[in-house]
Amino acid sequence: MTAADVAGYYKALTVEVGADMAGKDVRTVLERKLGVSRSLLSRLKLTEYGITINGVRAYTTAKVAEGDQVAIRMEEEISEDILPQELPLSIVFEDDYLLVVNKPAGIIVHPTKGHYTNTLANGIVHHWQTQGERVRFRPVHRLDEDTSGLVVIAKNPYIHQQLSEQLQAGTIMKIYCAYVYGKPIPADGTVDAPIDRDPDDPHVRIVTPEGYPSVTHYKTVAVFDEGQASRVRLKLETGRTHQIRVHMKHIGCPLIGDGKYGLQSGRVDEWETIAGRQALHAETLGLTHPMTKEWVEWTAALPPDLWALEQELT
């Protein structure tokens, strides 16, 4: 699915027209065969090499014949609003289309107002700059500042569109490891409880009947100290902000170290001190690679702080 490269553009994505598409227009071919969105098509047709048939610029209304090579090319972009900054990065996987990184706890994914440096984005933009790549930072999903683990970043608009559609459809697999107070009952189950903003605090999420559908599947992996704490593996069916933290609090098993949704008594015990943050790690990520159409999966081992907590609990 590649064609000749053009300076200033990412690698071309190409489809050969079969008998089933002969006589159709370019828009139909690209939508059906590559799944290109209408918004991306609108951008492509404005650039010189955005859409071509057999190497010649074409409009989306042009008709195609069997054997034609229809290609799209996206202009290279950079994140001009993100300061490149050399930061330690744990890159788990990278190719021409996507990057998977193991984010440490204590940093946010993307710069925000008043927080322009020391983010995952700053480090990745610097990485691409040193590699001579002109790529704009496009995270497909995010993790909370104090959650560690796997994050996937798309390296062009088409890949971002494809992965975002997978995310919305619930076909991206995200499995988390959490250490919680108490022992979930039942040991394995599903929390199906709508989540929305707390009307009294927009930074907090709560379970409410008027909220957005939110589903978390969990499995108890280990129980410590006669049920005082547990290690739980969680799989998200939806991806609401703070979903795991809110759902575990909802069933009476808040995350160890969670200052927002954890123990409400203000108690800080040795477990909280060892964790130093919410004991949550995105350990497994799986998705269908948009280019190869193959299922790919990555795993990130427990970071040292959660490993230390595990040792203390055992």
Protein backbone atom coordinates (compact mmCIF):
# COMPACT_ATOMS: atom_id res chain seq x y z
CA MET A 1 0.00 0.00 0.00
CA THR A 2 2.86 2.36 -0.73
CA ALA A 3 3.80 4.47 -3.73
CA ALA A 4 6.66 6.75 -4.68
CA ASP A 5 7.50 9.23 -1.93
CA VAL A 6 7.13 12.97 -2.49
CA ALA A 7 9.22 15.51 -0.57
CA GLY A 8 7.21 17.25 2.13
CA TYR A 9 4.63 14.47 2.32
CA TYR A 10 4.28 11.32 4.39
CA LYS A 11 4.44 7.96 2.63
CA ALA A 12 1.63 7.50 0.14
CA LEU A 13 -1.23 5.12 0.86
CA THR A 14 -2.32 3.39 -2.33
CA VAL A 15 -5.18 1.16 -3.41
CA GLU A 16 -5.40 -0.66 -6.73
CA VAL A 17 -8.86 -0.44 -8.26
CA GLY A 18 -10.50 -3.82 -8.68
CA ALA A 19 -13.43 -4.80 -10.86
CA ASP A 20 -15.82 -4.07 -7.99
CA MET A 21 -14.77 -0.40 -7.94
CA ALA A 22 -14.36 0.22 -11.68
CA GLY A 23 -16.45 3.17 -12.78
CA LYS A 24 -16.81 4.53 -9.25
CA ASP A 25 -15.53 7.95 -8.23
CA VAL A 26 -12.37 8.49 -6.21
CA ARG A 27 -14.29 9.48 -3.08
CA THR A 28 -16.13 6.15 -3.07
CA VAL A 29 -12.94 4.16 -3.61
CA LEU A 30 -11.07 5.91 -0.79
CA GLU A 31 -13.98 5.72 1.64
CA ARG A 32 -14.68 2.04 1.02
CA LYS A 33 -11.18 0.67 0.51
CA LEU A 34 -9.10 2.82 2.87
CA GLY A 35 -11.81 4.09 5.20
CA VAL A 36 -10.72 7.69 4.65
CA SER A 37 -13.02 10.13 6.46
CA ARG A 38 -14.76 12.97 4.66
CA SER A 39 -12.91 15.55 6.74
CA LEU A 40 -9.55 14.08 5.72
CA LEU A 41 -10.65 13.92 2.07
CA SER A 42 -11.50 17.62 2.26
CA ARG A 43 -7.95 18.36 3.40
CA LEU A 44 -6.30 16.09 0.86
CA LYS A 45 -7.96 17.60 -2.18
CA LEU A 46 -6.51 21.02 -1.33
CA THR A 47 -2.89 19.86 -1.71
CA GLU A 48 -0.97 19.20 -4.93
CA TYR A 49 -0.22 15.54 -4.26
CA GLY A 50 -3.06 14.86 -1.82
CA ILE A 51 -5.01 12.61 -4.20
CA THR A 52 -3.60 11.06 -7.37
CA ILE A 53 -4.60 8.48 -9.97
CA ASN A 54 -1.58 6.76 -11.52
CA GLY A 55 0.59 9.61 -10.22
CA VAL A 56 -1.55 12.43 -11.64
CA ARG A 57 -3.48 14.80 -9.40
CA ALA A 58 -7.17 13.91 -9.30
CA TYR A 59 -10.40 15.23 -7.85
CA THR A 60 -12.67 13.17 -5.64
CA THR A 61 -15.30 13.17 -8.39
CA ALA A 62 -12.97 11.58 -10.97
CA LYS A 63 -13.99 8.14 -12.22
CA VAL A 64 -11.57 5.23 -11.97
CA ALA A 65 -10.91 2.17 -14.09
CA GLU A 66 -9.85 -1.33 -13.10
CA GLY A 67 -6.11 -1.43 -12.43
CA ASP A 68 -5.81 2.28 -11.59
CA GLN A 69 -3.55 3.19 -8.67
CA VAL A 70 -5.36 5.65 -6.42
CA ALA A 71 -3.09 7.21 -3.81
CA ILE A 72 -3.38 9.70 -0.99
CA ARG A 73 -0.51 11.69 0.48
CA MET A 74 -0.64 13.84 3.59
CA GLU A 75 1.60 16.85 4.02
CA GLU A 76 4.19 16.57 6.74
CA GLU A 77 3.39 18.54 9.89
CA ILE A 78 5.11 19.43 13.14
CA SER A 79 3.76 20.52 16.51
CA GLU A 80 4.85 24.15 16.43
CA ASP A 81 3.10 24.83 19.74
CA ILE A 82 5.03 22.11 21.63
CA LEU A 83 8.57 22.85 22.81
CA PRO A 84 10.99 20.01 22.01
CA GLN A 85 12.56 18.89 25.27
CA GLU A 86 14.99 16.07 25.96
CA LEU A 87 13.29 13.78 28.47
CA PRO A 88 13.73 10.10 29.35
CA LEU A 89 11.44 8.05 27.09
CA SER A 90 10.58 4.37 27.25
CA ILE A 91 9.58 3.65 23.65
CA VAL A 92 8.00 0.22 23.37
CA PHE A 93 7.29 0.27 19.63
CA GLU A 94 7.64 2.65 16.70
CA ASP A 95 7.24 2.43 12.95
CA ASP A 96 6.33 4.96 10.23
CA TYR A 97 2.74 5.11 11.41
CA LEU A 98 2.48 4.93 15.18
CA LEU A 99 4.45 5.06 18.40
CA VAL A 100 3.76 3.26 21.67
CA VAL A 101 5.42 4.62 24.79
CA ASN A 102 5.46 3.54 28.43
CA LYS A 103 4.57 6.75 30.27
CA PRO A 104 5.97 7.15 33.78
CA ALA A 105 3.79 8.43 36.59
CA GLY A 106 4.13 12.10 37.43
CA ILE A 107 3.93 13.61 33.95
CA ILE A 108 0.95 14.61 31.84
CA VAL A 109 0.52 13.54 28.23
CA HIS A 110 -0.03 16.93 26.57
CA PRO A 111 0.87 20.52 27.56
CA THR A 112 -1.91 22.51 29.21
CA LYS A 113 -2.35 26.12 30.20
CA GLY A 114 0.42 26.96 32.63
CA HIS A 115 2.11 23.59 32.08
CA TYR A 116 4.03 23.86 28.82
CA THR A 117 7.07 21.68 29.54
CA ASN A 118 8.02 18.34 31.09
CA THR A 119 5.13 16.54 29.40
CA LEU A 120 5.18 13.36 27.37
CA ALA A 121 4.53 15.45 24.26
CA ASN A 122 7.66 17.56 24.84
CA GLY A 123 9.83 14.46 25.03
CA ILE A 124 8.32 12.78 21.98
CA VAL A 125 8.52 15.91 19.83
CA HIS A 126 12.21 16.15 20.76
CA HIS A 127 12.70 12.48 19.89
CA TRP A 128 11.20 12.99 16.44
CA GLN A 129 13.25 16.13 15.91
CA THR A 130 16.50 14.27 16.66
CA GLN A 131 15.42 11.49 14.26
CA GLY A 132 14.80 14.04 11.51
CA GLU A 133 11.09 13.24 11.40
CA ARG A 134 8.47 15.91 10.77
CA VAL A 135 5.56 14.56 12.77
CA ARG A 136 2.79 16.26 14.70
CA PHE A 137 1.97 14.92 18.17
CA ARG A 138 -1.39 13.13 17.94
CA PRO A 139 -2.22 11.01 21.01
CA VAL A 140 -5.04 8.55 20.41
CA HIS A 141 -5.87 8.43 24.13
CA ARG A 142 -4.45 9.76 27.38
CA LEU A 143 -3.54 8.66 30.87
CA ASP A 144 -3.93 10.67 34.05
CA GLU A 145 -0.78 12.37 35.33
CA ASP A 146 -0.25 9.84 38.11
CA THR A 147 -1.13 6.77 36.05
CA SER A 148 1.78 4.97 34.41
CA GLY A 149 1.74 2.74 31.37
CA LEU A 150 1.14 2.43 27.66
CA VAL A 151 -0.01 5.25 25.38
CA VAL A 152 -0.30 5.11 21.58
CA ILE A 153 0.44 8.14 19.40
CA ALA A 154 -0.49 8.33 15.71
CA LYS A 155 2.08 9.74 13.29
CA ASN A 156 -0.24 11.10 10.61
CA PRO A 157 -3.90 12.20 10.32
CA TYR A 158 -5.07 8.99 8.62
CA ILE A 159 -3.62 6.73 11.32
CA HIS A 160 -5.10 8.98 14.00
CA GLN A 161 -8.51 8.75 12.35
CA GLN A 162 -8.32 4.97 12.06
CA LEU A 163 -7.18 4.43 15.66
CA SER A 164 -9.70 6.93 17.01
CA GLU A 165 -12.45 4.95 15.29
CA GLN A 166 -11.15 1.77 16.91
CA LEU A 167 -11.11 3.51 20.27
CA GLN A 168 -14.67 4.74 19.85
CA ALA A 169 -15.82 1.30 18.73
CA GLY A 170 -14.23 -0.26 21.80
CA THR A 171 -11.91 -2.51 19.81
CA ILE A 172 -8.67 -1.16 21.29
CA MET A 173 -7.80 -3.41 24.22
CA LYS A 174 -6.65 -1.58 27.35
CA ILE A 175 -5.85 -3.63 30.44
CA TYR A 176 -4.78 -2.03 33.70
CA CYS A 177 -3.24 -3.26 36.93
CA ALA A 178 -4.48 -1.60 40.13
CA TYR A 179 -3.87 -2.01 43.84
CA VAL A 180 -6.99 -1.30 45.84
CA TYR A 181 -8.16 -1.23 49.42
CA GLY A 182 -10.37 -4.13 50.42
CA LYS A 183 -11.47 -7.18 48.48
CA PRO A 184 -13.88 -6.82 45.54
CA ILE A 185 -17.10 -8.80 45.91
CA PRO A 186 -17.57 -10.73 43.74
CA ALA A 187 -13.90 -11.37 43.05
CA ASP A 188 -14.46 -11.07 39.30
CA GLY A 189 -17.17 -8.94 37.79
CA THR A 190 -18.31 -5.94 35.79
CA VAL A 191 -19.08 -2.43 36.98
CA ASP A 192 -21.77 -0.95 34.75
CA ALA A 193 -22.35 2.48 36.24
CA PRO A 194 -22.82 5.78 34.33
CA ILE A 195 -20.26 8.53 34.99
CA ASP A 196 -20.50 12.31 34.68
CA ARG A 197 -18.96 15.46 36.13
CA ASP A 198 -19.68 16.30 39.73
CA PRO A 199 -21.96 19.38 39.57
CA ASP A 200 -20.11 20.77 42.58
CA ASP A 201 -16.61 20.24 41.15
CA PRO A 202 -15.93 19.99 37.38
CA HIS A 203 -12.59 18.27 38.06
CA VAL A 204 -14.28 15.33 39.78
CA ARG A 205 -16.32 12.53 38.22
CA ILE A 206 -19.16 10.70 39.96
CA VAL A 207 -21.48 7.78 39.34
CA THR A 208 -24.91 9.14 38.48
CA PRO A 209 -27.94 7.71 36.63
CA GLU A 210 -27.80 10.73 34.29
CA GLY A 211 -24.19 10.06 33.35
CA TYR A 212 -22.55 8.57 30.27
CA PRO A 213 -22.53 4.77 29.89
CA SER A 214 -19.39 3.44 31.56
CA VAL A 215 -18.35 -0.21 31.82
CA THR A 216 -15.31 -1.69 33.57
CA HIS A 217 -14.54 -5.42 33.77
CA TYR A 218 -12.34 -6.52 36.66
CA LYS A 219 -10.63 -9.66 37.92
CA THR A 220 -9.04 -10.07 41.34
CA VAL A 221 -5.50 -11.37 40.85
CA ALA A 222 -4.32 -11.44 44.47
CA VAL A 223 -5.64 -10.64 47.95
CA PHE A 224 -3.31 -9.31 50.64
CA ASP A 225 -3.38 -8.97 54.43
CA GLU A 226 -6.57 -10.97 54.93
CA GLY A 227 -8.54 -8.87 52.51
CA GLN A 228 -7.22 -5.44 53.47
CA ALA A 229 -5.92 -4.91 49.95
CA SER A 230 -6.06 -6.56 46.53
CA ARG A 231 -4.36 -6.53 43.18
CA VAL A 232 -6.93 -6.21 40.41
CA ARG A 233 -6.72 -6.46 36.64
CA LEU A 234 -9.17 -4.20 34.82
CA LYS A 235 -10.33 -4.04 31.23
CA LEU A 236 -12.12 -0.96 29.94
CA GLU A 237 -15.11 -1.29 27.68
CA THR A 238 -15.57 2.49 27.68
CA GLY A 239 -13.03 5.23 28.34
CA ARG A 240 -14.48 7.91 30.58
CA THR A 241 -12.22 10.31 32.45
CA HIS A 242 -11.10 8.72 35.76
CA GLN A 243 -13.31 5.70 34.98
CA ILE A 244 -11.33 3.04 36.85
CA ARG A 245 -10.80 5.26 39.87
CA VAL A 246 -14.49 6.19 40.05
CA HIS A 247 -15.73 2.65 39.50
CA MET A 248 -13.44 1.08 42.09
CA LYS A 249 -14.52 3.67 44.63
CA HIS A 250 -18.13 2.91 43.67
CA ILE A 251 -17.75 -0.76 44.65
CA GLY A 252 -15.98 0.11 47.90
CA CYS A 253 -12.41 -0.63 46.78
CA PRO A 254 -10.69 2.72 46.11
CA LEU A 255 -7.20 2.73 44.66
CA ILE A 256 -4.33 2.90 47.10
CA GLY A 257 -2.71 6.33 46.88
CA ASP A 258 -5.61 8.01 45.09
CA GLY A 259 -5.90 11.45 46.65
CA LYS A 260 -9.05 12.34 44.73
CA TYR A 261 -11.14 9.18 44.95
CA GLY A 262 -9.33 7.24 47.66
CA LEU A 263 -9.81 7.06 51.41
CA GLN A 264 -11.93 9.99 52.51
CA SER A 265 -10.75 9.98 56.13
CA GLY A 266 -7.51 11.73 55.25
CA ARG A 267 -5.61 8.68 56.44
CA VAL A 268 -2.15 8.21 54.97
CA ASP A 269 -0.72 4.78 55.73
CA GLU A 270 2.49 3.04 54.77
CA TRP A 271 0.93 1.70 51.58
CA GLU A 272 0.01 5.21 50.49
CA THR A 273 3.53 6.42 51.22
CA ILE A 274 5.16 3.62 49.23
CA ALA A 275 2.89 4.14 46.23
CA GLY A 276 3.28 7.90 46.30
CA ARG A 277 0.46 8.15 43.76
CA GLN A 278 -2.64 6.28 42.63
CA ALA A 279 -1.61 2.64 42.24
CA LEU A 280 -2.71 2.28 38.62
CA HIS A 281 -0.69 1.07 35.64
CA ALA A 282 -1.79 0.59 32.01
CA GLU A 283 -0.01 -2.71 31.48
CA THR A 284 -1.41 -4.06 28.19
CA LEU A 285 -2.45 -2.36 24.97
CA GLY A 286 -3.76 -4.12 21.88
CA LEU A 287 -5.12 -2.85 18.56
CA THR A 288 -5.46 -3.61 14.88
CA HIS A 289 -2.59 -1.93 13.04
CA PRO A 290 -4.24 0.39 10.47
CA MET A 291 -1.73 -0.50 7.76
CA THR A 292 -1.10 -4.23 8.16
CA LYS A 293 -4.60 -4.99 9.53
CA GLU A 294 -2.90 -7.37 11.97
CA TRP A 295 -3.63 -7.48 15.69
CA VAL A 296 -0.66 -6.15 17.68
CA GLU A 297 -0.25 -6.16 21.43
CA TRP A 298 2.25 -4.70 23.90
CA THR A 299 2.87 -5.13 27.63
CA ALA A 300 4.66 -2.86 30.10
CA ALA A 301 6.05 -4.35 33.29
CA LEU A 302 5.18 -2.87 36.68
CA PRO A 303 7.22 0.27 37.42
CA PRO A 304 9.52 0.24 40.49
CA ASP A 305 7.11 2.12 42.77
CA LEU A 306 4.27 -0.35 42.25
CA TRP A 307 6.65 -3.28 42.44
CA ALA A 308 7.76 -1.96 45.84
CA LEU A 309 4.11 -1.73 46.90
CA GLU A 310 3.55 -5.32 45.74
CA GLN A 311 6.49 -6.47 47.86
CA GLU A 312 5.17 -4.63 50.91
CA LEU A 313 1.71 -6.12 50.50
CA THR A 314 2.93 -9.67 49.96
